[in-house]
Amino acid sequence: MRIRQLLLILLIGACALQAKADWRISSTEEGTTTFGRHVRVMAKETGSNERAQLHLAIFDTRKTSLRVIDQPNESRSDLASVMSKEHCLAGVNGGYFDPEYKPVGLLISGGRTIAPYRRAKLLSGVLSVANGRVRLQRVSEFSMKGKISEAVQCGPFLVDHSRPVMGLDDSASAHRTFVAIGSENAIALGYCSSLSLAQLSHVLTSGKITNDLRVDRALNLDGGSSSAFWFRDGDEPFSIPERKTVRDFVGIVSK
């Protein structure tokens, strides 16, 4: 009897957690340019007042590529200035850095290794360009073999095989940036309003973000006051500025 009661309690708890994480996309708004799309997404959690707003810059990796732009010197610029100067199509802030602005985890820019690979539970994924191909991999899959031109190690992983990653923190909410890949050569740089890591994971797996984008994998980048998003849209780019200076950026450029 006790075993049955315990199983029932566990089942009820699991169902409650599943219900709590039941997010759905309530609306999307798209702006299209020659190379990509800026998609504004509204999502809400069933049975609560929780709401989320996301901005995604979606591109085709057959027409575009990715750059990691480093700022080693103290006279560091903001995301909007760097994206415009480097002729990027879109961009977000990059990986973690310490109080002295030294990168935390692997960082490769323009084929030059700036910071080495690091073993740490939080740094669970690597976004890279190897032999001209954009990859989003777990650290266990990543290899330094091949011609790696760009790479940033960060984490945690948010989505894997179109499913939310279990065990993510659900207590601390913050503005967040992330990178996601989907089918049909799609890559997305994203920004979201204040959510926990677990909530963002469930939002990204709540269904197709757009008609042709279902997230297969997603990796969290540095968030909080570092979070920033920029999308080139004619003469007036869309920009959400960071609230503090950051070390590096991830940008999308045309091939």
C-alpha atoms as a PDB file:
ATOM      1  CA  MET A   1       0.000   0.000   0.000  1.00  0.00           C
ATOM      2  CA  ARG A   2       2.788   2.400   0.879  1.00  0.00           C
ATOM      3  CA  ILE A   3       4.512   1.765  -2.450  1.00  0.00           C
ATOM      4  CA  ARG A   4       1.279   2.466  -4.317  1.00  0.00           C
ATOM      5  CA  GLN A   5       0.746   5.668  -2.362  1.00  0.00           C
ATOM      6  CA  LEU A   6       4.299   6.778  -3.081  1.00  0.00           C
ATOM      7  CA  LEU A   7       3.888   6.087  -6.798  1.00  0.00           C
ATOM      8  CA  LEU A   8       0.617   8.025  -6.807  1.00  0.00           C
ATOM      9  CA  ILE A   9       2.264  11.014  -5.107  1.00  0.00           C
ATOM     10  CA  LEU A  10       5.118  10.959  -7.611  1.00  0.00           C
ATOM     11  CA  LEU A  11       2.668  10.741 -10.509  1.00  0.00           C
ATOM     12  CA  ILE A  12       0.634  13.671  -9.217  1.00  0.00           C
ATOM     13  CA  GLY A  13       3.803  15.692  -8.730  1.00  0.00           C
ATOM     14  CA  ALA A  14       4.991  14.934 -12.252  1.00  0.00           C
ATOM     15  CA  CYS A  15       1.631  15.929 -13.706  1.00  0.00           C
ATOM     16  CA  ALA A  16       1.699  19.181 -11.726  1.00  0.00           C
ATOM     17  CA  LEU A  17       5.149  20.009 -13.048  1.00  0.00           C
ATOM     18  CA  GLN A  18       4.055  19.221 -16.585  1.00  0.00           C
ATOM     19  CA  ALA A  19       0.980  21.423 -16.234  1.00  0.00           C
ATOM     20  CA  LYS A  20       3.090  24.232 -14.811  1.00  0.00           C
ATOM     21  CA  ALA A  21       5.355  24.096 -17.845  1.00  0.00           C
ATOM     22  CA  ASP A  22       2.525  24.133 -20.400  1.00  0.00           C
ATOM     23  CA  TRP A  23       3.394  27.154 -22.532  1.00  0.00           C
ATOM     24  CA  ARG A  24       1.911  28.066 -25.868  1.00  0.00           C
ATOM     25  CA  ILE A  25       2.620  30.659 -28.528  1.00  0.00           C
ATOM     26  CA  SER A  26      -0.205  33.193 -28.476  1.00  0.00           C
ATOM     27  CA  SER A  27       0.924  35.435 -31.342  1.00  0.00           C
ATOM     28  CA  THR A  28       3.771  36.095 -33.773  1.00  0.00           C
ATOM     29  CA  GLU A  29       4.690  39.102 -35.867  1.00  0.00           C
ATOM     30  CA  GLU A  30       7.265  38.864 -38.654  1.00  0.00           C
ATOM     31  CA  GLY A  31       9.371  41.391 -40.485  1.00  0.00           C
ATOM     32  CA  THR A  32      11.271  40.079 -43.510  1.00  0.00           C
ATOM     33  CA  THR A  33      14.464  41.378 -45.106  1.00  0.00           C
ATOM     34  CA  THR A  34      16.558  40.075 -48.013  1.00  0.00           C
ATOM     35  CA  PHE A  35      18.570  37.697 -45.828  1.00  0.00           C
ATOM     36  CA  GLY A  36      16.416  36.962 -42.777  1.00  0.00           C
ATOM     37  CA  ARG A  37      13.446  37.657 -40.551  1.00  0.00           C
ATOM     38  CA  HIS A  38      12.822  39.450 -37.280  1.00  0.00           C
ATOM     39  CA  VAL A  39      10.086  37.544 -35.441  1.00  0.00           C
ATOM     40  CA  ARG A  40       8.334  38.909 -32.361  1.00  0.00           C
ATOM     41  CA  VAL A  41       6.729  36.154 -30.311  1.00  0.00           C
ATOM     42  CA  MET A  42       4.248  36.346 -27.441  1.00  0.00           C
ATOM     43  CA  ALA A  43       3.817  33.252 -25.270  1.00  0.00           C
ATOM     44  CA  LYS A  44       1.805  32.498 -22.165  1.00  0.00           C
ATOM     45  CA  GLU A  45       1.616  29.746 -19.591  1.00  0.00           C
ATOM     46  CA  THR A  46      -1.640  27.835 -19.228  1.00  0.00           C
ATOM     47  CA  GLY A  47      -3.376  28.358 -15.908  1.00  0.00           C
ATOM     48  CA  SER A  48      -1.299  31.350 -14.819  1.00  0.00           C
ATOM     49  CA  ASN A  49      -0.650  34.995 -15.580  1.00  0.00           C
ATOM     50  CA  GLU A  50       2.889  34.295 -16.801  1.00  0.00           C
ATOM     51  CA  ARG A  51       3.680  35.963 -20.112  1.00  0.00           C
ATOM     52  CA  ALA A  52       6.827  36.087 -22.219  1.00  0.00           C
ATOM     53  CA  GLN A  53       7.996  38.163 -25.161  1.00  0.00           C
ATOM     54  CA  LEU A  54      10.717  36.905 -27.465  1.00  0.00           C
ATOM     55  CA  HIS A  55      12.615  38.474 -30.348  1.00  0.00           C
ATOM     56  CA  LEU A  56      14.266  36.138 -32.825  1.00  0.00           C
ATOM     57  CA  ALA A  57      16.510  36.887 -35.791  1.00  0.00           C
ATOM     58  CA  ILE A  58      16.106  33.890 -38.114  1.00  0.00           C
ATOM     59  CA  PHE A  59      18.451  33.145 -41.005  1.00  0.00           C
ATOM     60  CA  ASP A  60      19.315  30.436 -43.524  1.00  0.00           C
ATOM     61  CA  THR A  61      22.870  29.142 -42.986  1.00  0.00           C
ATOM     62  CA  ARG A  62      23.200  28.464 -46.719  1.00  0.00           C
ATOM     63  CA  LYS A  63      23.083  32.226 -47.303  1.00  0.00           C
ATOM     64  CA  THR A  64      24.629  33.508 -44.079  1.00  0.00           C
ATOM     65  CA  SER A  65      27.354  32.658 -41.612  1.00  0.00           C
ATOM     66  CA  LEU A  66      28.258  33.419 -38.033  1.00  0.00           C
ATOM     67  CA  ARG A  67      30.981  35.543 -36.463  1.00  0.00           C
ATOM     68  CA  VAL A  68      32.247  35.810 -32.912  1.00  0.00           C
ATOM     69  CA  ILE A  69      33.419  39.400 -32.433  1.00  0.00           C
ATOM     70  CA  ASP A  70      35.816  39.916 -29.556  1.00  0.00           C
ATOM     71  CA  GLN A  71      36.583  43.144 -27.685  1.00  0.00           C
ATOM     72  CA  PRO A  72      39.864  42.568 -25.835  1.00  0.00           C
ATOM     73  CA  ASN A  73      40.598  46.226 -25.100  1.00  0.00           C
ATOM     74  CA  GLU A  74      39.008  48.403 -22.423  1.00  0.00           C
ATOM     75  CA  SER A  75      37.462  50.841 -24.889  1.00  0.00           C
ATOM     76  CA  ARG A  76      34.615  48.419 -25.604  1.00  0.00           C
ATOM     77  CA  SER A  77      31.608  49.432 -27.690  1.00  0.00           C
ATOM     78  CA  ASP A  78      27.968  48.422 -27.377  1.00  0.00           C
ATOM     79  CA  LEU A  79      26.237  45.820 -29.547  1.00  0.00           C
ATOM     80  CA  ALA A  80      24.548  48.292 -31.892  1.00  0.00           C
ATOM     81  CA  SER A  81      27.803  50.099 -32.687  1.00  0.00           C
ATOM     82  CA  VAL A  82      29.736  46.876 -33.308  1.00  0.00           C
ATOM     83  CA  MET A  83      27.038  45.286 -35.466  1.00  0.00           C
ATOM     84  CA  SER A  84      26.830  48.370 -37.663  1.00  0.00           C
ATOM     85  CA  LYS A  85      30.606  48.719 -37.931  1.00  0.00           C
ATOM     86  CA  GLU A  86      31.086  45.035 -38.827  1.00  0.00           C
ATOM     87  CA  HIS A  87      28.227  45.071 -41.382  1.00  0.00           C
ATOM     88  CA  CYS A  88      26.294  42.364 -39.545  1.00  0.00           C
ATOM     89  CA  LEU A  89      22.702  41.425 -40.289  1.00  0.00           C
ATOM     90  CA  ALA A  90      21.860  40.670 -36.650  1.00  0.00           C
ATOM     91  CA  GLY A  91      23.582  40.001 -33.359  1.00  0.00           C
ATOM     92  CA  VAL A  92      23.385  39.319 -29.642  1.00  0.00           C
ATOM     93  CA  ASN A  93      25.825  39.438 -26.756  1.00  0.00           C
ATOM     94  CA  GLY A  94      28.088  36.406 -26.455  1.00  0.00           C
ATOM     95  CA  GLY A  95      29.560  34.264 -23.684  1.00  0.00           C
ATOM     96  CA  TYR A  96      30.454  34.662 -20.046  1.00  0.00           C
ATOM     97  CA  PHE A  97      33.359  36.746 -18.779  1.00  0.00           C
ATOM     98  CA  ASP A  98      34.902  37.372 -15.355  1.00  0.00           C
ATOM     99  CA  PRO A  99      35.069  40.712 -13.470  1.00  0.00           C
ATOM    100  CA  GLU A 100      38.278  41.538 -15.343  1.00  0.00           C
ATOM    101  CA  TYR A 101      36.517  40.924 -18.673  1.00  0.00           C
ATOM    102  CA  LYS A 102      38.441  37.737 -19.411  1.00  0.00           C
ATOM    103  CA  PRO A 103      36.341  35.197 -21.383  1.00  0.00           C
ATOM    104  CA  VAL A 104      35.084  32.192 -19.416  1.00  0.00           C
ATOM    105  CA  GLY A 105      35.171  29.152 -21.694  1.00  0.00           C
ATOM    106  CA  LEU A 106      36.352  28.560 -25.239  1.00  0.00           C
ATOM    107  CA  LEU A 107      36.396  31.650 -27.435  1.00  0.00           C
ATOM    108  CA  ILE A 108      37.633  31.653 -31.039  1.00  0.00           C
ATOM    109  CA  SER A 109      37.316  34.678 -33.309  1.00  0.00           C
ATOM    110  CA  GLY A 110      38.534  34.868 -36.890  1.00  0.00           C
ATOM    111  CA  GLY A 111      40.421  31.585 -36.504  1.00  0.00           C
ATOM    112  CA  ARG A 112      42.343  32.791 -33.443  1.00  0.00           C
ATOM    113  CA  THR A 113      41.879  31.041 -30.079  1.00  0.00           C
ATOM    114  CA  ILE A 114      41.424  33.753 -27.461  1.00  0.00           C
ATOM    115  CA  ALA A 115      40.411  31.610 -24.478  1.00  0.00           C
ATOM    116  CA  PRO A 116      40.763  27.819 -24.048  1.00  0.00           C
ATOM    117  CA  TYR A 117      38.096  25.168 -23.697  1.00  0.00           C
ATOM    118  CA  ARG A 118      36.986  24.817 -20.081  1.00  0.00           C
ATOM    119  CA  ARG A 119      35.330  21.981 -18.186  1.00  0.00           C
ATOM    120  CA  ALA A 120      32.432  23.267 -16.114  1.00  0.00           C
ATOM    121  CA  LYS A 121      28.865  22.068 -15.602  1.00  0.00           C
ATOM    122  CA  LEU A 122      27.375  25.393 -16.681  1.00  0.00           C
ATOM    123  CA  LEU A 123      29.432  25.556 -19.896  1.00  0.00           C
ATOM    124  CA  SER A 124      27.622  22.636 -21.483  1.00  0.00           C
ATOM    125  CA  GLY A 125      27.542  23.684 -25.158  1.00  0.00           C
ATOM    126  CA  VAL A 126      29.637  25.142 -27.950  1.00  0.00           C
ATOM    127  CA  LEU A 127      28.437  27.281 -30.846  1.00  0.00           C
ATOM    128  CA  SER A 128      31.016  27.143 -33.618  1.00  0.00           C
ATOM    129  CA  VAL A 129      31.799  27.447 -37.308  1.00  0.00           C
ATOM    130  CA  ALA A 130      33.955  24.576 -38.573  1.00  0.00           C
ATOM    131  CA  ASN A 131      34.934  24.193 -42.215  1.00  0.00           C
ATOM    132  CA  GLY A 132      32.380  26.873 -43.025  1.00  0.00           C
ATOM    133  CA  ARG A 133      29.493  25.073 -41.300  1.00  0.00           C
ATOM    134  CA  VAL A 134      27.607  26.391 -38.256  1.00  0.00           C
ATOM    135  CA  ARG A 135      27.350  23.860 -35.426  1.00  0.00           C
ATOM    136  CA  LEU A 136      25.594  23.825 -32.063  1.00  0.00           C
ATOM    137  CA  GLN A 137      26.933  20.944 -29.985  1.00  0.00           C
ATOM    138  CA  ARG A 138      27.161  19.620 -26.476  1.00  0.00           C
ATOM    139  CA  VAL A 139      30.696  19.728 -25.123  1.00  0.00           C
ATOM    140  CA  SER A 140      30.846  15.918 -25.280  1.00  0.00           C
ATOM    141  CA  GLU A 141      30.320  16.116 -29.058  1.00  0.00           C
ATOM    142  CA  PHE A 142      32.607  19.040 -29.755  1.00  0.00           C
ATOM    143  CA  SER A 143      36.075  18.530 -31.225  1.00  0.00           C
ATOM    144  CA  MET A 144      38.848  20.980 -32.070  1.00  0.00           C
ATOM    145  CA  LYS A 145      39.552  19.012 -35.235  1.00  0.00           C
ATOM    146  CA  GLY A 146      38.894  20.737 -38.525  1.00  0.00           C
ATOM    147  CA  LYS A 147      39.217  24.373 -39.447  1.00  0.00           C
ATOM    148  CA  ILE A 148      37.347  26.182 -36.667  1.00  0.00           C
ATOM    149  CA  SER A 149      37.000  29.856 -37.471  1.00  0.00           C
ATOM    150  CA  GLU A 150      34.541  30.899 -34.740  1.00  0.00           C
ATOM    151  CA  ALA A 151      33.484  29.408 -31.415  1.00  0.00           C
ATOM    152  CA  VAL A 152      31.938  30.391 -28.099  1.00  0.00           C
ATOM    153  CA  GLN A 153      31.399  28.013 -25.185  1.00  0.00           C
ATOM    154  CA  CYS A 154      28.430  28.792 -22.983  1.00  0.00           C
ATOM    155  CA  GLY A 155      25.390  27.227 -21.354  1.00  0.00           C
ATOM    156  CA  PRO A 156      23.367  25.646 -20.138  1.00  0.00           C
ATOM    157  CA  PHE A 157      21.758  23.755 -23.011  1.00  0.00           C
ATOM    158  CA  LEU A 158      18.059  24.676 -23.167  1.00  0.00           C
ATOM    159  CA  VAL A 159      16.665  22.381 -25.863  1.00  0.00           C
ATOM    160  CA  ASP A 160      17.947  19.100 -27.248  1.00  0.00           C
ATOM    161  CA  HIS A 161      16.225  17.046 -29.968  1.00  0.00           C
ATOM    162  CA  SER A 162      13.230  19.413 -29.778  1.00  0.00           C
ATOM    163  CA  ARG A 163      12.675  18.599 -26.094  1.00  0.00           C
ATOM    164  CA  PRO A 164      13.234  20.764 -23.014  1.00  0.00           C
ATOM    165  CA  VAL A 165      16.370  19.946 -21.042  1.00  0.00           C
ATOM    166  CA  MET A 166      15.445  18.633 -17.602  1.00  0.00           C
ATOM    167  CA  GLY A 167      16.896  19.969 -14.352  1.00  0.00           C
ATOM    168  CA  LEU A 168      17.194  23.610 -15.398  1.00  0.00           C
ATOM    169  CA  ASP A 169      16.830  26.294 -12.741  1.00  0.00           C
ATOM    170  CA  ASP A 170      13.258  27.516 -12.321  1.00  0.00           C
ATOM    171  CA  SER A 171      13.754  29.962  -9.468  1.00  0.00           C
ATOM    172  CA  ALA A 172      15.644  32.910 -10.945  1.00  0.00           C
ATOM    173  CA  SER A 173      14.106  35.057 -13.668  1.00  0.00           C
ATOM    174  CA  ALA A 174      16.166  37.328 -15.910  1.00  0.00           C
ATOM    175  CA  HIS A 175      16.344  38.723 -19.403  1.00  0.00           C
ATOM    176  CA  ARG A 176      18.106  36.125 -21.542  1.00  0.00           C
ATOM    177  CA  THR A 177      19.758  35.675 -24.922  1.00  0.00           C
ATOM    178  CA  PHE A 178      20.207  32.393 -26.738  1.00  0.00           C
ATOM    179  CA  VAL A 179      21.035  30.728 -30.019  1.00  0.00           C
ATOM    180  CA  ALA A 180      18.838  28.058 -31.588  1.00  0.00           C
ATOM    181  CA  ILE A 181      18.943  25.817 -34.628  1.00  0.00           C
ATOM    182  CA  GLY A 182      16.109  24.091 -36.414  1.00  0.00           C
ATOM    183  CA  SER A 183      15.490  22.011 -39.484  1.00  0.00           C
ATOM    184  CA  GLU A 184      16.031  23.265 -43.031  1.00  0.00           C
ATOM    185  CA  ASN A 185      19.312  25.059 -42.219  1.00  0.00           C
ATOM    186  CA  ALA A 186      17.662  27.590 -39.903  1.00  0.00           C
ATOM    187  CA  ILE A 187      19.590  29.421 -37.190  1.00  0.00           C
ATOM    188  CA  ALA A 188      18.091  31.935 -34.775  1.00  0.00           C
ATOM    189  CA  LEU A 189      19.591  34.444 -32.396  1.00  0.00           C
ATOM    190  CA  GLY A 190      17.120  35.251 -29.654  1.00  0.00           C
ATOM    191  CA  TYR A 191      16.249  37.540 -26.763  1.00  0.00           C
ATOM    192  CA  CYS A 192      13.484  37.030 -24.209  1.00  0.00           C
ATOM    193  CA  SER A 193      11.843  38.983 -21.441  1.00  0.00           C
ATOM    194  CA  SER A 194      12.433  37.977 -17.844  1.00  0.00           C
ATOM    195  CA  LEU A 195      12.085  34.188 -17.507  1.00  0.00           C
ATOM    196  CA  SER A 196      13.791  31.346 -15.680  1.00  0.00           C
ATOM    197  CA  LEU A 197      15.972  28.949 -17.661  1.00  0.00           C
ATOM    198  CA  ALA A 198      13.352  26.219 -17.271  1.00  0.00           C
ATOM    199  CA  GLN A 199      10.566  28.503 -18.493  1.00  0.00           C
ATOM    200  CA  LEU A 200      12.553  29.576 -21.555  1.00  0.00           C
ATOM    201  CA  SER A 201      13.281  25.938 -22.348  1.00  0.00           C
ATOM    202  CA  HIS A 202       9.562  25.142 -22.317  1.00  0.00           C
ATOM    203  CA  VAL A 203       8.625  28.205 -24.350  1.00  0.00           C
ATOM    204  CA  LEU A 204      11.080  27.208 -27.082  1.00  0.00           C
ATOM    205  CA  THR A 205       9.581  23.711 -27.228  1.00  0.00           C
ATOM    206  CA  SER A 206       5.919  24.742 -27.046  1.00  0.00           C
ATOM    207  CA  GLY A 207       5.497  24.246 -30.805  1.00  0.00           C
ATOM    208  CA  LYS A 208       6.662  25.804 -34.026  1.00  0.00           C
ATOM    209  CA  ILE A 209       7.928  29.328 -33.451  1.00  0.00           C
ATOM    210  CA  THR A 210       6.969  30.083 -37.040  1.00  0.00           C
ATOM    211  CA  ASN A 211       5.506  27.925 -39.803  1.00  0.00           C
ATOM    212  CA  ASP A 212       8.961  26.771 -40.846  1.00  0.00           C
ATOM    213  CA  LEU A 213      10.907  26.834 -37.579  1.00  0.00           C
ATOM    214  CA  ARG A 214      10.722  24.209 -34.863  1.00  0.00           C
ATOM    215  CA  VAL A 215      13.647  24.492 -32.447  1.00  0.00           C
ATOM    216  CA  ASP A 216      15.833  21.375 -32.446  1.00  0.00           C
ATOM    217  CA  ARG A 217      18.590  22.676 -30.187  1.00  0.00           C
ATOM    218  CA  ALA A 218      19.083  25.836 -28.149  1.00  0.00           C
ATOM    219  CA  LEU A 219      21.922  27.146 -26.004  1.00  0.00           C
ATOM    220  CA  ASN A 220      21.737  29.861 -23.369  1.00  0.00           C
ATOM    221  CA  LEU A 221      24.188  32.746 -23.712  1.00  0.00           C
ATOM    222  CA  ASP A 222      25.187  35.317 -21.080  1.00  0.00           C
ATOM    223  CA  GLY A 223      22.029  36.970 -19.768  1.00  0.00           C
ATOM    224  CA  GLY A 224      20.758  39.477 -17.246  1.00  0.00           C
ATOM    225  CA  SER A 225      22.261  42.935 -17.711  1.00  0.00           C
ATOM    226  CA  SER A 226      24.450  41.585 -20.560  1.00  0.00           C
ATOM    227  CA  SER A 227      21.410  40.689 -22.694  1.00  0.00           C
ATOM    228  CA  ALA A 228      21.205  42.574 -25.983  1.00  0.00           C
ATOM    229  CA  PHE A 229      19.613  42.079 -29.393  1.00  0.00           C
ATOM    230  CA  TRP A 230      20.103  43.855 -32.725  1.00  0.00           C
ATOM    231  CA  PHE A 231      18.546  43.330 -36.165  1.00  0.00           C
ATOM    232  CA  ARG A 232      19.319  45.279 -39.317  1.00  0.00           C
ATOM    233  CA  ASP A 233      16.025  46.517 -40.734  1.00  0.00           C
ATOM    234  CA  GLY A 234      16.579  49.179 -43.379  1.00  0.00           C
ATOM    235  CA  ASP A 235      17.876  52.526 -42.197  1.00  0.00           C
ATOM    236  CA  GLU A 236      16.572  52.048 -38.659  1.00  0.00           C
ATOM    237  CA  PRO A 237      17.763  48.770 -37.076  1.00  0.00           C
ATOM    238  CA  PHE A 238      15.769  47.261 -34.242  1.00  0.00           C
ATOM    239  CA  SER A 239      17.863  47.331 -31.072  1.00  0.00           C
ATOM    240  CA  ILE A 240      17.553  46.225 -27.442  1.00  0.00           C
ATOM    241  CA  PRO A 241      20.721  47.522 -25.746  1.00  0.00           C
ATOM    242  CA  GLU A 242      22.687  45.796 -23.032  1.00  0.00           C
ATOM    243  CA  ARG A 243      22.750  47.452 -19.606  1.00  0.00           C
ATOM    244  CA  LYS A 244      26.446  46.833 -19.039  1.00  0.00           C
ATOM    245  CA  THR A 245      29.547  46.519 -21.212  1.00  0.00           C
ATOM    246  CA  VAL A 246      30.281  42.994 -22.440  1.00  0.00           C
ATOM    247  CA  ARG A 247      33.389  41.249 -23.771  1.00  0.00           C
ATOM    248  CA  ASP A 248      32.148  39.663 -27.012  1.00  0.00           C
ATOM    249  CA  PHE A 249      29.256  39.354 -29.453  1.00  0.00           C
ATOM    250  CA  VAL A 250      27.748  36.771 -31.800  1.00  0.00           C
ATOM    251  CA  GLY A 251      26.817  38.217 -35.194  1.00  0.00           C
ATOM    252  CA  ILE A 252      25.215  36.979 -38.401  1.00  0.00           C
ATOM    253  CA  VAL A 253      26.825  38.046 -41.694  1.00  0.00           C
ATOM    254  CA  SER A 254      25.983  37.359 -45.327  1.00  0.00           C
ATOM    255  CA  LYS A 255      28.177  34.907 -47.237  1.00  0.00           C
END
